[in-house]
Amino acid sequence: VSQIVSLRQEALVDYSVNANIIHTLDECIRSVNDAKERISDSRRRLQSGLLPYNIEFTYQRGNPFYPALKALEILNGYLSHIASIKDLEGLSIRIERAANHVEELVSFTRKYINVLDSKSIVWREARTVQILDSICNSADTFVEEYAGHSKYSKEAYKSGGQYAEVVHNITADIREKIGN
């Protein structure tokens, strides 16, 4: 009886741990999605003339790119933690969802930079360049360390190209725009 109870308790603990891991990973993915949508909304408001042209790029938290950086760093940090305690293969669907959001986040970031340039808005402050470079580094880290645990390691991505190549091309373009 004690062995049966012990096995049952072990199964419940495993279930609870897995449920907590999945829930926290889902929260990390939601934060990347939210950061992506913030950038997209800011770009659309700027394009439509609803956003004032005096956007603050000097400081950290007021910088429109800062939430994206934090979201990517948290996602990568949590995936690193999961990888240290468990196999990532069982999370491939969630990593695939995260991969979509990471690619869209860097893509929306590039589009926002293009709109800023088209409106002749001065955004290349040292802090913004540093944040954007860190966003590129974090996106590249996600691609190199975690995207391979999804279907994108073998299957073509949206436009038919390889996921890693698509994201690396976007981050290279952003780095070119910031002068790094």
N, C-alpha and C. Protein backbone atom coordinates (compact mmCIF):
# COMPACT_ATOMS: atom_id res chain seq x y z
N VAL A 1 0.84 -1.20 0.00
CA VAL A 1 0.00 0.00 0.00
C VAL A 1 0.87 1.25 0.00
N SER A 2 1.91 1.23 0.79
CA SER A 2 2.78 2.41 0.85
C SER A 2 3.47 2.67 -0.49
N GLN A 3 3.83 1.61 -1.21
CA GLN A 3 4.45 1.79 -2.53
C GLN A 3 3.46 2.38 -3.52
N ILE A 4 2.21 1.95 -3.45
CA ILE A 4 1.17 2.49 -4.33
C ILE A 4 0.93 3.96 -4.01
N VAL A 5 0.84 4.28 -2.73
CA VAL A 5 0.64 5.67 -2.31
C VAL A 5 1.83 6.52 -2.74
N SER A 6 3.03 5.98 -2.60
CA SER A 6 4.24 6.71 -3.00
C SER A 6 4.25 6.98 -4.50
N LEU A 7 3.89 5.97 -5.31
CA LEU A 7 3.83 6.17 -6.76
C LEU A 7 2.77 7.20 -7.13
N ARG A 8 1.65 7.15 -6.44
CA ARG A 8 0.56 8.12 -6.71
C ARG A 8 1.01 9.54 -6.35
N GLN A 9 1.68 9.68 -5.22
CA GLN A 9 2.18 11.00 -4.82
C GLN A 9 3.22 11.51 -5.81
N GLU A 10 4.08 10.62 -6.27
CA GLU A 10 5.10 11.00 -7.25
C GLU A 10 4.45 11.48 -8.55
N ALA A 11 3.42 10.78 -8.98
CA ALA A 11 2.69 11.18 -10.20
C ALA A 11 2.02 12.53 -10.02
N LEU A 12 1.44 12.76 -8.85
CA LEU A 12 0.80 14.05 -8.58
C LEU A 12 1.81 15.18 -8.54
N VAL A 13 2.97 14.93 -7.96
CA VAL A 13 4.02 15.95 -7.92
C VAL A 13 4.49 16.24 -9.34
N ASP A 14 4.73 15.22 -10.15
CA ASP A 14 5.14 15.42 -11.55
C ASP A 14 4.10 16.22 -12.31
N TYR A 15 2.83 15.88 -12.14
CA TYR A 15 1.75 16.60 -12.81
C TYR A 15 1.74 18.06 -12.39
N SER A 16 1.88 18.31 -11.11
CA SER A 16 1.86 19.68 -10.59
C SER A 16 3.04 20.49 -11.12
N VAL A 17 4.21 19.88 -11.12
CA VAL A 17 5.41 20.56 -11.63
C VAL A 17 5.23 20.89 -13.11
N ASN A 18 4.77 19.91 -13.89
CA ASN A 18 4.57 20.14 -15.33
C ASN A 18 3.52 21.21 -15.58
N ALA A 19 2.45 21.21 -14.81
CA ALA A 19 1.40 22.22 -14.97
C ALA A 19 1.95 23.61 -14.66
N ASN A 20 2.78 23.73 -13.64
CA ASN A 20 3.37 25.03 -13.29
C ASN A 20 4.34 25.49 -14.36
N ILE A 21 5.12 24.57 -14.90
CA ILE A 21 6.07 24.92 -15.97
C ILE A 21 5.31 25.44 -17.18
N ILE A 22 4.26 24.72 -17.58
CA ILE A 22 3.47 25.13 -18.74
C ILE A 22 2.80 26.47 -18.51
N HIS A 23 2.23 26.65 -17.32
CA HIS A 23 1.56 27.92 -17.02
C HIS A 23 2.55 29.09 -17.08
N THR A 24 3.70 28.93 -16.49
CA THR A 24 4.69 30.01 -16.48
C THR A 24 5.23 30.27 -17.89
N LEU A 25 5.45 29.23 -18.66
CA LEU A 25 5.91 29.41 -20.04
C LEU A 25 4.84 30.14 -20.85
N ASP A 26 3.59 29.79 -20.65
CA ASP A 26 2.49 30.50 -21.33
C ASP A 26 2.49 31.98 -20.97
N GLU A 27 2.77 32.30 -19.73
CA GLU A 27 2.85 33.71 -19.31
C GLU A 27 4.01 34.42 -20.00
N CYS A 28 5.13 33.75 -20.12
CA CYS A 28 6.28 34.34 -20.83
C CYS A 28 5.92 34.61 -22.29
N ILE A 29 5.25 33.67 -22.92
CA ILE A 29 4.84 33.84 -24.32
C ILE A 29 3.85 34.99 -24.45
N ARG A 30 2.92 35.09 -23.50
CA ARG A 30 1.96 36.21 -23.53
C ARG A 30 2.67 37.55 -23.40
N SER A 31 3.72 37.60 -22.60
CA SER A 31 4.43 38.88 -22.45
C SER A 31 5.15 39.26 -23.75
N VAL A 32 5.68 38.28 -24.49
CA VAL A 32 6.29 38.56 -25.78
C VAL A 32 5.22 39.06 -26.75
N ASN A 33 4.07 38.40 -26.74
CA ASN A 33 2.97 38.82 -27.60
C ASN A 33 2.52 40.24 -27.26
N ASP A 34 2.41 40.54 -25.98
CA ASP A 34 1.99 41.88 -25.55
C ASP A 34 3.00 42.93 -26.00
N ALA A 35 4.28 42.65 -25.84
CA ALA A 35 5.33 43.58 -26.27
C ALA A 35 5.26 43.80 -27.77
N LYS A 36 5.04 42.73 -28.51
CA LYS A 36 4.91 42.81 -29.97
C LYS A 36 3.73 43.70 -30.35
N GLU A 37 2.61 43.52 -29.68
CA GLU A 37 1.41 44.31 -29.98
C GLU A 37 1.61 45.78 -29.60
N ARG A 38 2.34 46.05 -28.53
CA ARG A 38 2.62 47.44 -28.14
C ARG A 38 3.42 48.16 -29.24
N ILE A 39 4.43 47.48 -29.75
CA ILE A 39 5.24 48.06 -30.82
C ILE A 39 4.38 48.29 -32.06
N SER A 40 3.57 47.30 -32.38
CA SER A 40 2.70 47.41 -33.55
C SER A 40 1.70 48.56 -33.40
N ASP A 41 1.10 48.67 -32.22
CA ASP A 41 0.15 49.76 -31.97
C ASP A 41 0.82 51.12 -32.07
N SER A 42 2.02 51.24 -31.51
CA SER A 42 2.76 52.51 -31.58
C SER A 42 3.07 52.88 -33.02
N ARG A 43 3.46 51.88 -33.79
CA ARG A 43 3.76 52.12 -35.21
C ARG A 43 2.51 52.59 -35.95
N ARG A 44 1.39 51.93 -35.72
CA ARG A 44 0.15 52.31 -36.40
C ARG A 44 -0.32 53.71 -35.99
N ARG A 45 -0.18 54.02 -34.69
CA ARG A 45 -0.58 55.36 -34.23
C ARG A 45 0.32 56.42 -34.87
N LEU A 46 1.60 56.13 -34.96
CA LEU A 46 2.53 57.07 -35.58
C LEU A 46 2.22 57.24 -37.06
N GLN A 47 1.94 56.14 -37.75
CA GLN A 47 1.60 56.21 -39.17
C GLN A 47 0.34 57.03 -39.42
N SER A 48 -0.61 56.90 -38.50
CA SER A 48 -1.88 57.60 -38.70
C SER A 48 -1.85 59.03 -38.14
N GLY A 49 -0.74 59.42 -37.53
CA GLY A 49 -0.61 60.77 -37.00
C GLY A 49 -1.19 60.94 -35.61
N LEU A 50 -1.56 59.84 -34.94
CA LEU A 50 -2.16 59.93 -33.60
C LEU A 50 -1.12 60.00 -32.49
N LEU A 51 0.08 59.58 -32.77
CA LEU A 51 1.13 59.57 -31.76
C LEU A 51 1.98 60.83 -31.93
N PRO A 52 2.21 61.54 -30.83
CA PRO A 52 3.05 62.74 -30.95
C PRO A 52 4.47 62.38 -31.40
N TYR A 53 5.10 63.29 -32.05
CA TYR A 53 6.44 63.02 -32.59
C TYR A 53 7.53 63.16 -31.54
N ASN A 54 7.19 63.56 -30.34
CA ASN A 54 8.20 63.72 -29.29
C ASN A 54 8.24 62.48 -28.39
N ILE A 55 8.46 61.32 -28.98
CA ILE A 55 8.56 60.06 -28.26
C ILE A 55 9.87 60.06 -27.49
N GLU A 56 9.84 59.55 -26.27
CA GLU A 56 11.02 59.55 -25.41
C GLU A 56 11.88 58.32 -25.67
N PHE A 57 13.07 58.50 -26.21
CA PHE A 57 13.97 57.39 -26.50
C PHE A 57 15.20 57.41 -25.61
N THR A 58 15.34 58.41 -24.75
CA THR A 58 16.54 58.55 -23.96
C THR A 58 16.58 57.58 -22.79
N TYR A 59 15.47 57.41 -22.12
CA TYR A 59 15.44 56.61 -20.89
C TYR A 59 15.03 55.18 -21.18
N GLN A 60 15.13 54.37 -20.16
CA GLN A 60 14.91 52.95 -20.35
C GLN A 60 13.43 52.58 -20.35
N ARG A 61 12.73 52.77 -19.27
CA ARG A 61 11.34 52.29 -19.16
C ARG A 61 10.38 53.05 -20.06
N GLY A 62 10.68 54.28 -20.37
CA GLY A 62 9.82 55.03 -21.28
C GLY A 62 10.08 54.70 -22.73
N ASN A 63 11.15 53.99 -22.99
CA ASN A 63 11.52 53.64 -24.36
C ASN A 63 10.52 52.62 -24.91
N PRO A 64 9.97 52.86 -26.09
CA PRO A 64 8.95 51.94 -26.62
C PRO A 64 9.47 50.54 -26.92
N PHE A 65 10.78 50.36 -26.99
CA PHE A 65 11.34 49.04 -27.27
C PHE A 65 11.70 48.26 -26.00
N TYR A 66 11.71 48.93 -24.87
CA TYR A 66 12.13 48.29 -23.62
C TYR A 66 11.27 47.08 -23.22
N PRO A 67 9.92 47.17 -23.29
CA PRO A 67 9.12 45.99 -22.92
C PRO A 67 9.43 44.76 -23.79
N ALA A 68 9.77 44.98 -25.04
CA ALA A 68 10.13 43.87 -25.93
C ALA A 68 11.41 43.20 -25.44
N LEU A 69 12.38 44.00 -25.07
CA LEU A 69 13.64 43.45 -24.56
C LEU A 69 13.40 42.64 -23.30
N LYS A 70 12.66 43.18 -22.37
CA LYS A 70 12.40 42.48 -21.11
C LYS A 70 11.66 41.17 -21.37
N ALA A 71 10.66 41.19 -22.25
CA ALA A 71 9.88 39.99 -22.55
C ALA A 71 10.77 38.90 -23.15
N LEU A 72 11.64 39.27 -24.08
CA LEU A 72 12.55 38.29 -24.69
C LEU A 72 13.54 37.74 -23.67
N GLU A 73 14.07 38.59 -22.83
CA GLU A 73 15.02 38.13 -21.82
C GLU A 73 14.36 37.17 -20.84
N ILE A 74 13.13 37.47 -20.44
CA ILE A 74 12.41 36.58 -19.51
C ILE A 74 12.10 35.25 -20.19
N LEU A 75 11.64 35.29 -21.44
CA LEU A 75 11.35 34.06 -22.17
C LEU A 75 12.61 33.19 -22.28
N ASN A 76 13.71 33.77 -22.72
CA ASN A 76 14.95 33.00 -22.84
C ASN A 76 15.43 32.48 -21.49
N GLY A 77 15.32 33.31 -20.46
CA GLY A 77 15.74 32.88 -19.13
C GLY A 77 14.91 31.71 -18.62
N TYR A 78 13.61 31.77 -18.85
CA TYR A 78 12.75 30.68 -18.39
C TYR A 78 12.99 29.40 -19.20
N LEU A 79 13.15 29.54 -20.52
CA LEU A 79 13.46 28.36 -21.33
C LEU A 79 14.79 27.74 -20.91
N SER A 80 15.75 28.56 -20.55
CA SER A 80 17.03 28.06 -20.07
C SER A 80 16.83 27.28 -18.77
N HIS A 81 16.00 27.82 -17.90
CA HIS A 81 15.70 27.14 -16.64
C HIS A 81 15.01 25.80 -16.90
N ILE A 82 14.03 25.79 -17.79
CA ILE A 82 13.33 24.55 -18.11
C ILE A 82 14.31 23.53 -18.68
N ALA A 83 15.17 23.98 -19.59
CA ALA A 83 16.14 23.07 -20.21
C ALA A 83 17.07 22.45 -19.16
N SER A 84 17.34 23.18 -18.08
CA SER A 84 18.24 22.65 -17.06
C SER A 84 17.57 21.60 -16.17
N ILE A 85 16.23 21.60 -16.13
CA ILE A 85 15.54 20.64 -15.26
C ILE A 85 14.71 19.61 -16.01
N LYS A 86 14.53 19.82 -17.32
CA LYS A 86 13.60 18.96 -18.05
C LYS A 86 13.90 19.04 -19.54
N ASP A 87 13.42 18.06 -20.27
CA ASP A 87 13.58 18.01 -21.72
C ASP A 87 12.59 18.98 -22.38
N LEU A 88 13.06 19.79 -23.29
CA LEU A 88 12.21 20.77 -23.97
C LEU A 88 11.33 20.16 -25.06
N GLU A 89 11.62 18.95 -25.48
CA GLU A 89 10.88 18.35 -26.59
C GLU A 89 9.39 18.27 -26.31
N GLY A 90 8.99 18.02 -25.09
CA GLY A 90 7.57 17.93 -24.74
C GLY A 90 6.86 19.27 -24.81
N LEU A 91 7.60 20.33 -24.98
CA LEU A 91 7.03 21.68 -25.03
C LEU A 91 7.08 22.26 -26.44
N SER A 92 7.25 21.42 -27.44
CA SER A 92 7.48 21.90 -28.81
C SER A 92 6.35 22.77 -29.33
N ILE A 93 5.11 22.48 -28.99
CA ILE A 93 3.99 23.31 -29.48
C ILE A 93 4.09 24.71 -28.88
N ARG A 94 4.44 24.80 -27.63
CA ARG A 94 4.57 26.11 -27.00
C ARG A 94 5.79 26.86 -27.53
N ILE A 95 6.87 26.16 -27.76
CA ILE A 95 8.06 26.80 -28.32
C ILE A 95 7.76 27.28 -29.74
N GLU A 96 6.98 26.53 -30.48
CA GLU A 96 6.55 26.95 -31.82
C GLU A 96 5.75 28.24 -31.74
N ARG A 97 4.82 28.31 -30.78
CA ARG A 97 4.04 29.54 -30.60
C ARG A 97 4.94 30.71 -30.22
N ALA A 98 5.88 30.45 -29.33
CA ALA A 98 6.84 31.50 -28.95
C ALA A 98 7.65 31.94 -30.16
N ALA A 99 8.04 30.98 -30.99
CA ALA A 99 8.84 31.30 -32.18
C ALA A 99 8.08 32.25 -33.10
N ASN A 100 6.79 32.01 -33.29
CA ASN A 100 5.98 32.92 -34.11
C ASN A 100 6.01 34.33 -33.55
N HIS A 101 5.81 34.44 -32.23
CA HIS A 101 5.79 35.76 -31.59
C HIS A 101 7.15 36.44 -31.63
N VAL A 102 8.22 35.68 -31.47
CA VAL A 102 9.56 36.28 -31.52
C VAL A 102 9.83 36.82 -32.92
N GLU A 103 9.51 36.05 -33.94
CA GLU A 103 9.73 36.53 -35.31
C GLU A 103 8.89 37.77 -35.58
N GLU A 104 7.63 37.76 -35.18
CA GLU A 104 6.77 38.92 -35.41
C GLU A 104 7.24 40.13 -34.60
N LEU A 105 7.75 39.89 -33.40
CA LEU A 105 8.24 41.00 -32.58
C LEU A 105 9.41 41.71 -33.27
N VAL A 106 10.39 40.95 -33.77
CA VAL A 106 11.51 41.61 -34.44
C VAL A 106 11.07 42.22 -35.77
N SER A 107 10.12 41.59 -36.43
CA SER A 107 9.60 42.15 -37.68
C SER A 107 8.87 43.46 -37.43
N PHE A 108 8.02 43.49 -36.40
CA PHE A 108 7.30 44.73 -36.06
C PHE A 108 8.26 45.81 -35.59
N THR A 109 9.32 45.40 -34.91
CA THR A 109 10.34 46.36 -34.47
C THR A 109 10.99 47.01 -35.68
N ARG A 110 11.34 46.20 -36.65
CA ARG A 110 11.94 46.75 -37.88
C ARG A 110 10.97 47.69 -38.59
N LYS A 111 9.71 47.32 -38.67
CA LYS A 111 8.70 48.18 -39.32
C LYS A 111 8.56 49.51 -38.57
N TYR A 112 8.58 49.45 -37.24
CA TYR A 112 8.47 50.67 -36.44
C TYR A 112 9.67 51.58 -36.69
N ILE A 113 10.86 51.00 -36.74
CA ILE A 113 12.06 51.79 -37.04
C ILE A 113 11.92 52.45 -38.41
N ASN A 114 11.40 51.72 -39.38
CA ASN A 114 11.21 52.28 -40.72
C ASN A 114 10.24 53.46 -40.70
N VAL A 115 9.18 53.35 -39.92
CA VAL A 115 8.22 54.46 -39.81
C VAL A 115 8.86 55.65 -39.10
N LEU A 116 9.61 55.38 -38.04
CA LEU A 116 10.32 56.47 -37.35
C LEU A 116 11.23 57.21 -38.32
N ASP A 117 11.96 56.47 -39.13
CA ASP A 117 12.84 57.09 -40.12
C ASP A 117 12.04 57.87 -41.16
N SER A 118 10.93 57.30 -41.62
CA SER A 118 10.14 57.98 -42.66
C SER A 118 9.54 59.28 -42.14
N LYS A 119 9.29 59.36 -40.83
CA LYS A 119 8.74 60.57 -40.22
C LYS A 119 9.84 61.50 -39.72
N SER A 120 11.09 61.13 -39.98
CA SER A 120 12.27 61.91 -39.57
C SER A 120 12.30 62.15 -38.07
N ILE A 121 11.93 61.13 -37.31
CA ILE A 121 11.95 61.21 -35.85
C ILE A 121 13.33 60.75 -35.37
N VAL A 122 13.92 61.53 -34.51
CA VAL A 122 15.24 61.20 -33.96
C VAL A 122 15.05 60.15 -32.88
N TRP A 123 15.51 58.94 -33.15
CA TRP A 123 15.34 57.84 -32.20
C TRP A 123 16.65 57.14 -31.87
N ARG A 124 17.72 57.46 -32.56
CA ARG A 124 18.98 56.75 -32.38
C ARG A 124 19.78 57.25 -31.17
N GLU A 125 19.12 57.33 -30.04
CA GLU A 125 19.80 57.64 -28.79
C GLU A 125 20.62 56.42 -28.37
N ALA A 126 21.66 56.65 -27.60
CA ALA A 126 22.54 55.54 -27.19
C ALA A 126 21.76 54.43 -26.49
N ARG A 127 20.82 54.81 -25.64
CA ARG A 127 20.05 53.80 -24.90
C ARG A 127 19.17 52.98 -25.85
N THR A 128 18.56 53.63 -26.83
CA THR A 128 17.71 52.91 -27.79
C THR A 128 18.53 51.96 -28.63
N VAL A 129 19.69 52.39 -29.07
CA VAL A 129 20.57 51.53 -29.86
C VAL A 129 20.96 50.31 -29.03
N GLN A 130 21.27 50.53 -27.76
CA GLN A 130 21.64 49.43 -26.87
C GLN A 130 20.46 48.46 -26.69
N ILE A 131 19.27 48.98 -26.48
CA ILE A 131 18.07 48.14 -26.31
C ILE A 131 17.82 47.34 -27.59
N LEU A 132 17.88 47.99 -28.74
CA LEU A 132 17.62 47.30 -30.00
C LEU A 132 18.67 46.22 -30.28
N ASP A 133 19.92 46.51 -29.98
CA ASP A 133 20.96 45.51 -30.15
C ASP A 133 20.71 44.32 -29.22
N SER A 134 20.28 44.59 -28.01
CA SER A 134 19.97 43.51 -27.06
C SER A 134 18.75 42.71 -27.51
N ILE A 135 17.77 43.37 -28.11
CA ILE A 135 16.62 42.66 -28.67
C ILE A 135 17.09 41.70 -29.75
N CYS A 136 17.96 42.17 -30.62
CA CYS A 136 18.50 41.31 -31.68
C CYS A 136 19.27 40.13 -31.09
N ASN A 137 20.09 40.40 -30.09
CA ASN A 137 20.84 39.32 -29.44
C ASN A 137 19.91 38.30 -28.80
N SER A 138 18.87 38.78 -28.14
CA SER A 138 17.92 37.87 -27.48
C SER A 138 17.14 37.06 -28.49
N ALA A 139 16.73 37.68 -29.58
CA ALA A 139 16.02 36.95 -30.64
C ALA A 139 16.94 35.89 -31.26
N ASP A 140 18.18 36.25 -31.51
CA ASP A 140 19.13 35.29 -32.07
C ASP A 140 19.40 34.15 -31.10
N THR A 141 19.47 34.45 -29.81
CA THR A 141 19.64 33.40 -28.80
C THR A 141 18.45 32.46 -28.81
N PHE A 142 17.24 33.01 -28.89
CA PHE A 142 16.05 32.16 -28.95
C PHE A 142 16.14 31.22 -30.15
N VAL A 143 16.51 31.77 -31.30
CA VAL A 143 16.61 30.96 -32.52
C VAL A 143 17.63 29.85 -32.34
N GLU A 144 18.81 30.19 -31.86
CA GLU A 144 19.90 29.23 -31.79
C GLU A 144 19.69 28.16 -30.71
N GLU A 145 19.09 28.55 -29.60
CA GLU A 145 19.02 27.62 -28.47
C GLU A 145 17.66 26.93 -28.32
N TYR A 146 16.56 27.55 -28.78
CA TYR A 146 15.24 27.01 -28.45
C TYR A 146 14.34 26.71 -29.65
N ALA A 147 14.44 27.46 -30.72
CA ALA A 147 13.56 27.24 -31.87
C ALA A 147 13.76 25.85 -32.47
N GLY A 148 14.92 25.28 -32.30
CA GLY A 148 15.19 23.94 -32.80
C GLY A 148 14.36 22.86 -32.12
N HIS A 149 13.72 23.20 -31.01
CA HIS A 149 12.85 22.27 -30.30
C HIS A 149 11.40 22.36 -30.80
N SER A 150 11.22 23.01 -31.94
CA SER A 150 9.89 23.12 -32.54
C SER A 150 9.94 22.56 -33.95
N LYS A 151 8.81 22.59 -34.61
CA LYS A 151 8.76 22.06 -35.98
C LYS A 151 9.60 22.89 -36.95
N TYR A 152 9.96 24.11 -36.54
CA TYR A 152 10.72 24.98 -37.43
C TYR A 152 12.17 24.56 -37.61
N SER A 153 12.60 23.55 -36.88
CA SER A 153 13.94 23.03 -37.12
C SER A 153 13.98 22.20 -38.40
N LYS A 154 12.79 21.72 -38.83
CA LYS A 154 12.72 20.86 -40.02
C LYS A 154 11.81 21.41 -41.11
N GLU A 155 10.75 22.10 -40.73
CA GLU A 155 9.76 22.58 -41.69
C GLU A 155 10.03 24.03 -42.09
N ALA A 156 9.52 24.37 -43.25
CA ALA A 156 9.64 25.75 -43.72
C ALA A 156 8.76 26.66 -42.87
N TYR A 157 9.18 27.90 -42.77
CA TYR A 157 8.42 28.89 -42.01
C TYR A 157 7.44 29.58 -42.95
N LYS A 158 6.77 30.61 -42.49
CA LYS A 158 5.68 31.28 -43.20
C LYS A 158 5.92 31.50 -44.69
N SER A 159 6.99 32.12 -45.03
CA SER A 159 7.25 32.49 -46.43
C SER A 159 7.96 31.38 -47.20
N GLY A 160 8.10 30.24 -46.57
CA GLY A 160 8.76 29.13 -47.24
C GLY A 160 10.24 29.00 -46.91
N GLY A 161 10.80 29.99 -46.23
CA GLY A 161 12.20 29.93 -45.85
C GLY A 161 12.38 29.22 -44.52
N GLN A 162 13.60 29.09 -44.11
CA GLN A 162 13.89 28.49 -42.82
C GLN A 162 13.73 29.53 -41.72
N TYR A 163 13.14 29.13 -40.60
CA TYR A 163 12.85 30.05 -39.51
C TYR A 163 14.10 30.81 -39.08
N ALA A 164 15.18 30.08 -38.84
CA ALA A 164 16.41 30.72 -38.36
C ALA A 164 16.89 31.79 -39.34
N GLU A 165 16.84 31.49 -40.61
CA GLU A 165 17.29 32.44 -41.63
C GLU A 165 16.40 33.68 -41.65
N VAL A 166 15.09 33.49 -41.53
CA VAL A 166 14.16 34.61 -41.53
C VAL A 166 14.46 35.56 -40.37
N VAL A 167 14.58 35.00 -39.17
CA VAL A 167 14.82 35.85 -37.99
C VAL A 167 16.20 36.48 -38.06
N HIS A 168 17.21 35.73 -38.45
CA HIS A 168 18.57 36.29 -38.54
C HIS A 168 18.63 37.42 -39.58
N ASN A 169 17.90 37.31 -40.67
CA ASN A 169 17.87 38.39 -41.66
C ASN A 169 17.24 39.65 -41.09
N ILE A 170 16.18 39.49 -40.32
CA ILE A 170 15.52 40.66 -39.71
C ILE A 170 16.44 41.31 -38.68
N THR A 171 17.06 40.49 -37.82
CA THR A 171 17.94 41.08 -36.81
C THR A 171 19.16 41.73 -37.45
N ALA A 172 19.66 41.15 -38.54
CA ALA A 172 20.79 41.77 -39.25
C ALA A 172 20.37 43.12 -39.83
N ASP A 173 19.15 43.20 -40.35
CA ASP A 173 18.65 44.45 -40.89
C ASP A 173 18.50 45.51 -39.79
N ILE A 174 17.99 45.10 -38.62
CA ILE A 174 17.87 46.04 -37.50
C ILE A 174 19.25 46.51 -37.08
N ARG A 175 20.20 45.60 -36.98
CA ARG A 175 21.57 45.99 -36.59
C ARG A 175 22.16 46.98 -37.60
N GLU A 176 21.88 46.77 -38.86
CA GLU A 176 22.37 47.70 -39.88
C GLU A 176 21.75 49.09 -39.68
N LYS A 177 20.47 49.12 -39.35
CA LYS A 177 19.77 50.39 -39.15
C LYS A 177 20.28 51.14 -37.91
N ILE A 178 20.73 50.39 -36.90
CA ILE A 178 21.24 51.05 -35.69
C ILE A 178 22.75 51.27 -35.75
N GLY A 179 23.37 50.78 -36.83
CA GLY A 179 24.79 51.01 -36.99
C GLY A 179 25.68 50.02 -36.26
N ASN A 180 25.14 48.83 -35.93
CA ASN A 180 25.96 47.80 -35.24
C ASN A 180 26.22 46.64 -36.14
